[in-house]
Amino acid sequence: VSWKPWTAPTACLMMDWYFKKCHALEEVQHLNIKIHCFVTYIQDEDWYLHRCEEQLRATNAPLAHQISIHCNVHGRFDTLHLKYLYNISQLPGFTGMLAPGISALKAIRDSATIPSVTIPMQPASLSLLQPSIFEPQTTDMVDELEEEEDIEENIVQVGCALQDVVCLTMGIDHTCGEDSKS
């Protein structure tokens, strides 16, 4: 077997190159399709979020505002993505399309469907809670505050020790304790 022509190093390199080129051409075709789908998704998602915002504007203004913020954030990234896709489309050999298509995703809550926004009801368990649960219990709060103060003191001490070590390492005559006394 070792005497066959395809076992020679040059032949192996040529076969590797040939199959890589074949797979690269297949990958370019797949990417052209994915780019087209991605551009369609960007358009559909933008349209969907704006429709949701419009539906909620009259019934739940704060939620509509949050959706608007989400749209603005998505819009910034969408613009950046489209810019990069445009730059890719200018490369030699690009055969894809940057025009959005028609989405095949038509299930409920997909980006290509007409949104139907419903706001969930508040859980009934919140209305059943007794007010006594929300009243502060002074002994627990005092203990928790003391624990927090101890933790803060420990953090300050560790920070001062670290600062002293760094100052000593750098040859600076300074200690955390001296700075806090003055």
N, C-alpha and C. Protein backbone atom coordinates (compact mmCIF):
# COMPACT_ATOMS: atom_id res chain seq x y z
N VAL A 1 0.82 -1.19 0.00
CA VAL A 1 0.00 0.00 0.00
C VAL A 1 0.87 1.25 0.00
N SER A 2 2.00 1.18 0.65
CA SER A 2 2.83 2.38 0.75
C SER A 2 3.45 2.78 -0.58
N TRP A 3 3.36 1.92 -1.62
CA TRP A 3 3.91 2.24 -2.92
C TRP A 3 2.88 2.82 -3.88
N LYS A 4 1.66 2.98 -3.43
CA LYS A 4 0.61 3.54 -4.28
C LYS A 4 0.88 5.03 -4.50
N PRO A 5 0.46 5.57 -5.65
CA PRO A 5 0.76 6.98 -5.94
C PRO A 5 0.08 7.95 -4.98
N TRP A 6 -1.06 7.59 -4.42
CA TRP A 6 -1.76 8.52 -3.54
C TRP A 6 -1.16 8.59 -2.15
N THR A 7 -0.13 7.77 -1.87
CA THR A 7 0.53 7.83 -0.56
C THR A 7 1.69 8.81 -0.54
N ALA A 8 2.08 9.32 -1.68
CA ALA A 8 3.18 10.29 -1.74
C ALA A 8 2.74 11.59 -1.05
N PRO A 9 3.67 12.25 -0.37
CA PRO A 9 3.31 13.49 0.35
C PRO A 9 2.69 14.55 -0.55
N THR A 10 3.20 14.70 -1.75
CA THR A 10 2.65 15.70 -2.67
C THR A 10 1.22 15.35 -3.05
N ALA A 11 0.97 14.09 -3.30
CA ALA A 11 -0.38 13.66 -3.66
C ALA A 11 -1.33 13.86 -2.48
N CYS A 12 -0.87 13.57 -1.27
CA CYS A 12 -1.71 13.78 -0.08
C CYS A 12 -2.05 15.26 0.08
N LEU A 13 -1.07 16.12 -0.11
CA LEU A 13 -1.33 17.56 0.00
C LEU A 13 -2.33 18.02 -1.05
N MET A 14 -2.18 17.51 -2.26
CA MET A 14 -3.10 17.90 -3.34
C MET A 14 -4.52 17.41 -3.05
N MET A 15 -4.66 16.18 -2.51
CA MET A 15 -6.00 15.67 -2.17
C MET A 15 -6.62 16.50 -1.05
N ASP A 16 -5.80 16.82 -0.04
CA ASP A 16 -6.31 17.66 1.05
C ASP A 16 -6.79 19.00 0.51
N TRP A 17 -5.96 19.62 -0.35
CA TRP A 17 -6.32 20.91 -0.92
C TRP A 17 -7.61 20.80 -1.73
N TYR A 18 -7.73 19.75 -2.54
CA TYR A 18 -8.91 19.56 -3.38
C TYR A 18 -10.18 19.43 -2.54
N PHE A 19 -10.14 18.59 -1.51
CA PHE A 19 -11.33 18.38 -0.69
C PHE A 19 -11.66 19.60 0.16
N LYS A 20 -10.63 20.32 0.61
CA LYS A 20 -10.90 21.57 1.34
C LYS A 20 -11.58 22.59 0.44
N LYS A 21 -11.13 22.65 -0.81
CA LYS A 21 -11.75 23.59 -1.75
C LYS A 21 -13.19 23.19 -2.03
N CYS A 22 -13.45 21.89 -2.19
CA CYS A 22 -14.83 21.42 -2.40
C CYS A 22 -15.71 21.78 -1.22
N HIS A 23 -15.22 21.55 -0.01
CA HIS A 23 -16.00 21.86 1.19
C HIS A 23 -16.15 23.37 1.37
N ALA A 24 -15.14 24.12 0.97
CA ALA A 24 -15.24 25.58 1.09
C ALA A 24 -16.34 26.11 0.18
N LEU A 25 -16.42 25.57 -1.04
CA LEU A 25 -17.47 26.01 -1.96
C LEU A 25 -18.86 25.65 -1.41
N GLU A 26 -18.99 24.45 -0.81
CA GLU A 26 -20.26 24.08 -0.18
C GLU A 26 -20.58 25.02 0.97
N GLU A 27 -19.57 25.35 1.76
CA GLU A 27 -19.79 26.23 2.92
C GLU A 27 -20.20 27.63 2.47
N VAL A 28 -19.63 28.11 1.39
CA VAL A 28 -20.03 29.43 0.86
C VAL A 28 -21.50 29.41 0.47
N GLN A 29 -21.96 28.34 -0.15
CA GLN A 29 -23.37 28.24 -0.52
C GLN A 29 -24.26 28.24 0.72
N HIS A 30 -23.85 27.50 1.76
CA HIS A 30 -24.63 27.47 3.00
C HIS A 30 -24.66 28.85 3.66
N LEU A 31 -23.51 29.53 3.65
CA LEU A 31 -23.45 30.86 4.27
C LEU A 31 -24.29 31.87 3.50
N ASN A 32 -24.33 31.76 2.18
CA ASN A 32 -25.17 32.66 1.40
C ASN A 32 -26.63 32.52 1.82
N ILE A 33 -27.07 31.30 2.05
CA ILE A 33 -28.45 31.06 2.50
C ILE A 33 -28.64 31.60 3.91
N LYS A 34 -27.66 31.35 4.79
CA LYS A 34 -27.79 31.81 6.18
C LYS A 34 -27.81 33.34 6.27
N ILE A 35 -27.02 34.00 5.43
CA ILE A 35 -27.01 35.47 5.43
C ILE A 35 -28.38 35.98 5.03
N HIS A 36 -28.97 35.39 4.02
CA HIS A 36 -30.30 35.79 3.57
C HIS A 36 -31.33 35.58 4.69
N CYS A 37 -31.24 34.44 5.37
CA CYS A 37 -32.16 34.17 6.50
C CYS A 37 -31.94 35.15 7.64
N PHE A 38 -30.68 35.49 7.91
CA PHE A 38 -30.37 36.41 9.00
C PHE A 38 -30.93 37.80 8.72
N VAL A 39 -30.78 38.27 7.50
CA VAL A 39 -31.33 39.58 7.13
C VAL A 39 -32.85 39.56 7.26
N THR A 40 -33.48 38.47 6.87
CA THR A 40 -34.94 38.34 7.01
C THR A 40 -35.33 38.36 8.48
N TYR A 41 -34.57 37.64 9.32
CA TYR A 41 -34.86 37.62 10.76
C TYR A 41 -34.74 39.01 11.37
N ILE A 42 -33.71 39.75 10.99
CA ILE A 42 -33.52 41.11 11.54
C ILE A 42 -34.74 41.96 11.21
N GLN A 43 -35.21 41.90 9.97
CA GLN A 43 -36.38 42.68 9.57
C GLN A 43 -37.62 42.24 10.33
N ASP A 44 -37.85 40.93 10.41
CA ASP A 44 -39.05 40.41 11.08
C ASP A 44 -39.05 40.74 12.56
N GLU A 45 -37.91 40.59 13.20
CA GLU A 45 -37.82 40.86 14.64
C GLU A 45 -38.08 42.34 14.93
N ASP A 46 -37.52 43.22 14.11
CA ASP A 46 -37.76 44.65 14.28
C ASP A 46 -39.25 44.98 14.13
N TRP A 47 -39.86 44.42 13.09
CA TRP A 47 -41.28 44.64 12.85
C TRP A 47 -42.10 44.12 14.03
N TYR A 48 -41.79 42.92 14.51
CA TYR A 48 -42.53 42.28 15.61
C TYR A 48 -42.44 43.11 16.89
N LEU A 49 -41.25 43.55 17.24
CA LEU A 49 -41.09 44.32 18.47
C LEU A 49 -41.82 45.67 18.39
N HIS A 50 -41.79 46.31 17.23
CA HIS A 50 -42.50 47.58 17.09
C HIS A 50 -44.02 47.37 17.19
N ARG A 51 -44.54 46.28 16.64
CA ARG A 51 -45.98 45.99 16.77
C ARG A 51 -46.35 45.72 18.23
N CYS A 52 -45.50 44.99 18.95
CA CYS A 52 -45.76 44.74 20.37
C CYS A 52 -45.78 46.06 21.15
N GLU A 53 -44.83 46.92 20.85
CA GLU A 53 -44.77 48.22 21.53
C GLU A 53 -46.04 49.02 21.25
N GLU A 54 -46.49 49.05 19.99
CA GLU A 54 -47.72 49.79 19.65
C GLU A 54 -48.93 49.24 20.39
N GLN A 55 -49.04 47.91 20.47
CA GLN A 55 -50.18 47.31 21.16
C GLN A 55 -50.18 47.64 22.65
N LEU A 56 -49.01 47.72 23.25
CA LEU A 56 -48.94 47.94 24.70
C LEU A 56 -48.96 49.42 25.08
N ARG A 57 -48.73 50.29 24.15
CA ARG A 57 -48.63 51.72 24.47
C ARG A 57 -49.88 52.22 25.19
N ALA A 58 -51.05 51.78 24.79
CA ALA A 58 -52.29 52.27 25.40
C ALA A 58 -52.61 51.57 26.71
N THR A 59 -52.24 50.30 26.85
CA THR A 59 -52.65 49.54 28.03
C THR A 59 -51.59 49.47 29.11
N ASN A 60 -50.31 49.46 28.71
CA ASN A 60 -49.23 49.32 29.69
C ASN A 60 -48.03 50.11 29.21
N ALA A 61 -48.05 51.41 29.49
CA ALA A 61 -47.01 52.30 28.99
C ALA A 61 -45.61 51.93 29.49
N PRO A 62 -45.43 51.55 30.77
CA PRO A 62 -44.08 51.19 31.21
C PRO A 62 -43.51 49.99 30.46
N LEU A 63 -44.33 48.98 30.23
CA LEU A 63 -43.86 47.82 29.48
C LEU A 63 -43.57 48.19 28.02
N ALA A 64 -44.39 49.04 27.45
CA ALA A 64 -44.15 49.52 26.08
C ALA A 64 -42.82 50.27 26.00
N HIS A 65 -42.52 51.04 27.05
CA HIS A 65 -41.26 51.78 27.10
C HIS A 65 -40.08 50.81 27.15
N GLN A 66 -40.20 49.74 27.95
CA GLN A 66 -39.14 48.75 28.03
C GLN A 66 -38.93 48.06 26.68
N ILE A 67 -40.01 47.78 25.99
CA ILE A 67 -39.89 47.18 24.65
C ILE A 67 -39.22 48.16 23.70
N SER A 68 -39.54 49.44 23.85
CA SER A 68 -38.90 50.47 23.02
C SER A 68 -37.39 50.51 23.26
N ILE A 69 -36.99 50.41 24.52
CA ILE A 69 -35.56 50.38 24.85
C ILE A 69 -34.92 49.14 24.22
N HIS A 70 -35.61 48.02 24.34
CA HIS A 70 -35.11 46.77 23.75
C HIS A 70 -34.97 46.92 22.23
N CYS A 71 -35.94 47.57 21.61
CA CYS A 71 -35.87 47.81 20.15
C CYS A 71 -34.67 48.67 19.79
N ASN A 72 -34.41 49.70 20.61
CA ASN A 72 -33.28 50.58 20.34
C ASN A 72 -31.95 49.83 20.45
N VAL A 73 -31.83 48.98 21.47
CA VAL A 73 -30.61 48.20 21.62
C VAL A 73 -30.45 47.25 20.44
N HIS A 74 -31.53 46.53 20.11
CA HIS A 74 -31.48 45.63 18.96
C HIS A 74 -31.16 46.40 17.69
N GLY A 75 -31.73 47.59 17.55
CA GLY A 75 -31.50 48.39 16.36
C GLY A 75 -30.04 48.74 16.18
N ARG A 76 -29.36 49.06 17.29
CA ARG A 76 -27.94 49.39 17.19
C ARG A 76 -27.14 48.19 16.68
N PHE A 77 -27.43 47.01 17.26
CA PHE A 77 -26.71 45.82 16.83
C PHE A 77 -27.12 45.42 15.42
N ASP A 78 -28.38 45.59 15.09
CA ASP A 78 -28.84 45.25 13.74
C ASP A 78 -28.12 46.10 12.71
N THR A 79 -27.97 47.39 12.99
CA THR A 79 -27.26 48.28 12.08
C THR A 79 -25.83 47.83 11.90
N LEU A 80 -25.20 47.47 13.01
CA LEU A 80 -23.81 47.01 12.95
C LEU A 80 -23.72 45.70 12.15
N HIS A 81 -24.63 44.77 12.41
CA HIS A 81 -24.63 43.51 11.66
C HIS A 81 -24.83 43.75 10.17
N LEU A 82 -25.77 44.62 9.83
CA LEU A 82 -26.03 44.89 8.41
C LEU A 82 -24.83 45.56 7.75
N LYS A 83 -24.12 46.40 8.50
CA LYS A 83 -22.92 47.04 7.95
C LYS A 83 -21.87 45.98 7.64
N TYR A 84 -21.66 45.06 8.59
CA TYR A 84 -20.68 43.99 8.36
C TYR A 84 -21.11 43.10 7.19
N LEU A 85 -22.39 42.80 7.11
CA LEU A 85 -22.87 41.99 6.00
C LEU A 85 -22.67 42.71 4.67
N TYR A 86 -22.88 44.02 4.66
CA TYR A 86 -22.65 44.78 3.44
C TYR A 86 -21.18 44.71 3.05
N ASN A 87 -20.28 44.85 4.04
CA ASN A 87 -18.85 44.76 3.75
C ASN A 87 -18.49 43.38 3.19
N ILE A 88 -19.11 42.34 3.75
CA ILE A 88 -18.88 40.98 3.24
C ILE A 88 -19.39 40.86 1.81
N SER A 89 -20.52 41.50 1.53
CA SER A 89 -21.09 41.39 0.19
C SER A 89 -20.21 42.06 -0.86
N GLN A 90 -19.33 42.94 -0.44
CA GLN A 90 -18.44 43.62 -1.38
C GLN A 90 -17.19 42.80 -1.70
N LEU A 91 -17.00 41.69 -0.98
CA LEU A 91 -15.84 40.84 -1.24
C LEU A 91 -16.00 40.13 -2.58
N PRO A 92 -14.89 39.89 -3.26
CA PRO A 92 -14.98 39.18 -4.54
C PRO A 92 -15.50 37.76 -4.31
N GLY A 93 -16.40 37.33 -5.17
CA GLY A 93 -16.93 35.98 -5.08
C GLY A 93 -18.20 35.86 -4.26
N PHE A 94 -18.65 36.96 -3.66
CA PHE A 94 -19.89 36.89 -2.88
C PHE A 94 -21.07 36.74 -3.84
N THR A 95 -21.88 35.71 -3.60
CA THR A 95 -23.01 35.45 -4.49
C THR A 95 -24.34 35.46 -3.75
N GLY A 96 -24.33 35.85 -2.48
CA GLY A 96 -25.55 35.85 -1.68
C GLY A 96 -26.40 37.09 -1.93
N MET A 97 -27.51 37.17 -1.17
CA MET A 97 -28.41 38.33 -1.28
C MET A 97 -28.54 38.98 0.10
N LEU A 98 -28.53 40.30 0.11
CA LEU A 98 -28.76 41.02 1.36
C LEU A 98 -30.21 41.49 1.48
N ALA A 99 -31.00 41.24 0.47
CA ALA A 99 -32.41 41.63 0.53
C ALA A 99 -33.16 40.66 1.44
N PRO A 100 -34.01 41.18 2.32
CA PRO A 100 -34.77 40.26 3.19
C PRO A 100 -35.77 39.47 2.38
N GLY A 101 -36.02 38.26 2.86
CA GLY A 101 -36.99 37.40 2.21
C GLY A 101 -38.29 37.37 3.00
N ILE A 102 -39.07 36.34 2.77
CA ILE A 102 -40.32 36.14 3.50
C ILE A 102 -40.08 35.00 4.48
N SER A 103 -40.36 35.25 5.74
CA SER A 103 -40.07 34.27 6.78
C SER A 103 -40.96 33.04 6.66
N ALA A 104 -40.36 31.90 6.94
CA ALA A 104 -41.12 30.65 6.95
C ALA A 104 -41.65 30.34 8.34
N LEU A 105 -41.19 31.09 9.34
CA LEU A 105 -41.61 30.85 10.72
C LEU A 105 -42.92 31.57 10.99
N LYS A 106 -44.00 30.83 11.01
CA LYS A 106 -45.32 31.43 11.17
C LYS A 106 -46.04 30.93 12.43
N ALA A 107 -45.34 30.26 13.32
CA ALA A 107 -45.96 29.76 14.55
C ALA A 107 -46.22 30.93 15.51
N ILE A 108 -47.03 30.69 16.51
CA ILE A 108 -47.35 31.73 17.50
C ILE A 108 -46.05 32.20 18.15
N ARG A 109 -45.92 33.50 18.29
CA ARG A 109 -44.79 34.20 18.90
C ARG A 109 -43.51 34.16 18.06
N ASP A 110 -43.58 33.70 16.83
CA ASP A 110 -42.44 33.83 15.93
C ASP A 110 -42.38 35.26 15.44
N SER A 111 -41.20 35.68 15.00
CA SER A 111 -41.02 37.08 14.63
C SER A 111 -41.79 37.47 13.38
N ALA A 112 -42.25 36.52 12.58
CA ALA A 112 -42.98 36.87 11.36
C ALA A 112 -44.49 36.88 11.56
N THR A 113 -44.97 36.58 12.76
CA THR A 113 -46.41 36.55 13.00
C THR A 113 -46.88 37.90 13.54
N ILE A 114 -48.17 38.11 13.48
CA ILE A 114 -48.76 39.32 14.06
C ILE A 114 -48.83 39.10 15.57
N PRO A 115 -48.22 39.99 16.33
CA PRO A 115 -48.19 39.77 17.78
C PRO A 115 -49.56 39.95 18.43
N SER A 116 -49.78 39.19 19.46
CA SER A 116 -50.96 39.32 20.29
C SER A 116 -50.46 39.38 21.73
N VAL A 117 -50.28 40.58 22.22
CA VAL A 117 -49.66 40.78 23.53
C VAL A 117 -50.71 40.60 24.62
N THR A 118 -50.38 39.75 25.59
CA THR A 118 -51.22 39.58 26.77
C THR A 118 -50.34 39.74 27.99
N ILE A 119 -50.84 40.50 28.95
CA ILE A 119 -50.10 40.74 30.18
C ILE A 119 -50.60 39.74 31.21
N PRO A 120 -49.71 38.95 31.80
CA PRO A 120 -50.16 37.95 32.77
C PRO A 120 -50.71 38.62 34.02
N MET A 121 -51.67 37.95 34.63
CA MET A 121 -52.25 38.44 35.87
C MET A 121 -51.22 38.27 36.98
N GLN A 122 -51.35 39.10 38.02
CA GLN A 122 -50.47 38.95 39.17
C GLN A 122 -50.87 37.68 39.92
N PRO A 123 -49.91 36.97 40.43
CA PRO A 123 -50.25 35.75 41.15
C PRO A 123 -51.15 36.03 42.34
N ALA A 124 -52.12 35.14 42.57
CA ALA A 124 -53.05 35.31 43.68
C ALA A 124 -52.35 35.20 45.01
N SER A 125 -51.21 34.53 45.07
CA SER A 125 -50.51 34.34 46.33
C SER A 125 -50.04 35.66 46.92
N LEU A 126 -49.77 36.67 46.07
CA LEU A 126 -49.34 37.96 46.60
C LEU A 126 -50.44 38.64 47.40
N SER A 127 -51.69 38.48 46.99
CA SER A 127 -52.78 39.13 47.71
C SER A 127 -53.10 38.40 49.01
N LEU A 128 -52.67 37.16 49.14
CA LEU A 128 -52.97 36.40 50.33
C LEU A 128 -51.92 36.57 51.43
N LEU A 129 -50.82 37.21 51.10
CA LEU A 129 -49.78 37.39 52.10
C LEU A 129 -50.26 38.29 53.22
N GLN A 130 -49.90 37.93 54.44
CA GLN A 130 -50.31 38.73 55.59
C GLN A 130 -49.35 39.89 55.77
N PRO A 131 -49.85 41.04 56.19
CA PRO A 131 -48.97 42.19 56.38
C PRO A 131 -47.91 41.96 57.44
N SER A 132 -48.15 41.05 58.39
CA SER A 132 -47.18 40.84 59.45
C SER A 132 -45.86 40.30 58.92
N ILE A 133 -45.89 39.65 57.78
CA ILE A 133 -44.65 39.13 57.20
C ILE A 133 -43.75 40.28 56.78
N PHE A 134 -44.34 41.39 56.36
CA PHE A 134 -43.55 42.52 55.89
C PHE A 134 -43.10 43.44 57.01
N GLU A 135 -43.60 43.28 58.23
CA GLU A 135 -43.19 44.13 59.34
C GLU A 135 -41.80 43.73 59.79
N PRO A 136 -40.91 44.68 59.97
CA PRO A 136 -39.56 44.34 60.37
C PRO A 136 -39.52 43.82 61.81
N GLN A 137 -38.68 42.88 62.03
CA GLN A 137 -38.47 42.37 63.38
C GLN A 137 -37.16 42.95 63.86
N THR A 138 -37.23 43.75 64.92
CA THR A 138 -36.10 44.56 65.34
C THR A 138 -34.89 43.73 65.77
N THR A 139 -35.08 42.61 66.45
CA THR A 139 -33.92 41.85 66.92
C THR A 139 -33.13 41.27 65.76
N ASP A 140 -33.83 40.76 64.77
CA ASP A 140 -33.13 40.22 63.60
C ASP A 140 -32.40 41.32 62.84
N MET A 141 -33.02 42.47 62.72
CA MET A 141 -32.39 43.57 61.97
C MET A 141 -31.14 44.07 62.68
N VAL A 142 -31.17 44.16 64.01
CA VAL A 142 -30.00 44.62 64.75
C VAL A 142 -28.85 43.63 64.57
N ASP A 143 -29.16 42.33 64.67
CA ASP A 143 -28.12 41.32 64.48
C ASP A 143 -27.53 41.38 63.08
N GLU A 144 -28.40 41.54 62.07
CA GLU A 144 -27.93 41.62 60.70
C GLU A 144 -27.07 42.86 60.48
N LEU A 145 -27.46 43.99 61.07
CA LEU A 145 -26.67 45.21 60.92
C LEU A 145 -25.30 45.06 61.57
N GLU A 146 -25.26 44.41 62.74
CA GLU A 146 -23.97 44.20 63.41
C GLU A 146 -23.08 43.29 62.57
N GLU A 147 -23.67 42.25 61.99
CA GLU A 147 -22.89 41.37 61.12
C GLU A 147 -22.35 42.12 59.91
N GLU A 148 -23.19 42.97 59.31
CA GLU A 148 -22.75 43.76 58.16
C GLU A 148 -21.62 44.70 58.55
N GLU A 149 -21.71 45.33 59.74
CA GLU A 149 -20.64 46.22 60.20
C GLU A 149 -19.35 45.45 60.39
N ASP A 150 -19.43 44.24 60.98
CA ASP A 150 -18.23 43.42 61.16
C ASP A 150 -17.60 43.06 59.81
N ILE A 151 -18.44 42.70 58.86
CA ILE A 151 -17.94 42.35 57.52
C ILE A 151 -17.28 43.55 56.89
N GLU A 152 -17.90 44.73 57.00
CA GLU A 152 -17.32 45.94 56.42
C GLU A 152 -15.98 46.28 57.07
N GLU A 153 -15.89 46.12 58.40
CA GLU A 153 -14.61 46.38 59.09
C GLU A 153 -13.54 45.42 58.59
N ASN A 154 -13.90 44.14 58.43
CA ASN A 154 -12.93 43.16 57.93
C ASN A 154 -12.47 43.51 56.52
N ILE A 155 -13.40 43.96 55.69
CA ILE A 155 -13.04 44.34 54.32
C ILE A 155 -12.08 45.52 54.34
N VAL A 156 -12.34 46.50 55.20
CA VAL A 156 -11.46 47.68 55.30
C VAL A 156 -10.08 47.25 55.78
N GLN A 157 -10.02 46.35 56.78
CA GLN A 157 -8.73 45.90 57.30
C GLN A 157 -7.95 45.14 56.23
N VAL A 158 -8.61 44.27 55.50
CA VAL A 158 -7.94 43.52 54.44
C VAL A 158 -7.47 44.47 53.35
N GLY A 159 -8.30 45.45 53.00
CA GLY A 159 -7.91 46.44 51.99
C GLY A 159 -6.70 47.24 52.42
N CYS A 160 -6.68 47.65 53.70
CA CYS A 160 -5.53 48.39 54.21
C CYS A 160 -4.27 47.53 54.19
N ALA A 161 -4.40 46.28 54.58
CA ALA A 161 -3.24 45.38 54.57
C ALA A 161 -2.72 45.21 53.14
N LEU A 162 -3.61 45.05 52.20
CA LEU A 162 -3.21 44.91 50.80
C LEU A 162 -2.52 46.17 50.31
N GLN A 163 -3.07 47.32 50.69
CA GLN A 163 -2.47 48.59 50.27
C GLN A 163 -1.09 48.74 50.89
N ASP A 164 -0.91 48.33 52.14
CA ASP A 164 0.40 48.39 52.78
C ASP A 164 1.41 47.51 52.06
N VAL A 165 0.98 46.29 51.68
CA VAL A 165 1.87 45.37 50.97
C VAL A 165 2.29 45.96 49.63
N VAL A 166 1.34 46.53 48.91
CA VAL A 166 1.65 47.13 47.61
C VAL A 166 2.61 48.31 47.78
N CYS A 167 2.36 49.15 48.78
CA CYS A 167 3.24 50.30 49.02
C CYS A 167 4.65 49.85 49.39
N LEU A 168 4.75 48.81 50.25
CA LEU A 168 6.07 48.30 50.62
C LEU A 168 6.79 47.72 49.40
N THR A 169 6.05 47.00 48.57
CA THR A 169 6.64 46.40 47.38
C THR A 169 7.18 47.46 46.43
N MET A 170 6.45 48.56 46.33
CA MET A 170 6.86 49.63 45.41
C MET A 170 7.84 50.60 46.05
N GLY A 171 8.16 50.39 47.36
CA GLY A 171 9.13 51.25 48.04
C GLY A 171 8.55 52.59 48.46
N ILE A 172 7.25 52.65 48.66
CA ILE A 172 6.60 53.89 49.09
C ILE A 172 6.43 53.83 50.60
N ASP A 173 6.86 54.91 51.30
CA ASP A 173 6.70 54.97 52.76
C ASP A 173 5.30 55.46 53.09
N HIS A 174 4.39 54.53 53.23
CA HIS A 174 3.00 54.87 53.50
C HIS A 174 2.31 53.67 54.09
N THR A 175 1.50 53.89 55.11
CA THR A 175 0.69 52.81 55.63
C THR A 175 -0.74 53.28 55.65
N CYS A 176 -1.64 52.35 55.51
CA CYS A 176 -3.06 52.68 55.48
C CYS A 176 -3.49 53.30 56.79
N GLY A 177 -2.96 52.78 57.88
CA GLY A 177 -3.33 53.29 59.20
C GLY A 177 -2.93 54.75 59.38
N GLU A 178 -1.73 55.12 58.87
CA GLU A 178 -1.26 56.52 59.02
C GLU A 178 -2.14 57.47 58.24
N ASP A 179 -2.57 57.03 57.03
CA ASP A 179 -3.38 57.89 56.17
C ASP A 179 -4.74 58.16 56.81
N SER A 180 -5.32 57.13 57.46
CA SER A 180 -6.64 57.31 58.01
C SER A 180 -6.63 58.12 59.28
N LYS A 181 -5.46 58.22 59.98
CA LYS A 181 -5.39 58.99 61.21
C LYS A 181 -5.31 60.47 60.94
N SER A 182 -4.73 60.88 59.84
CA SER A 182 -4.54 62.29 59.57
C SER A 182 -5.72 62.93 58.98
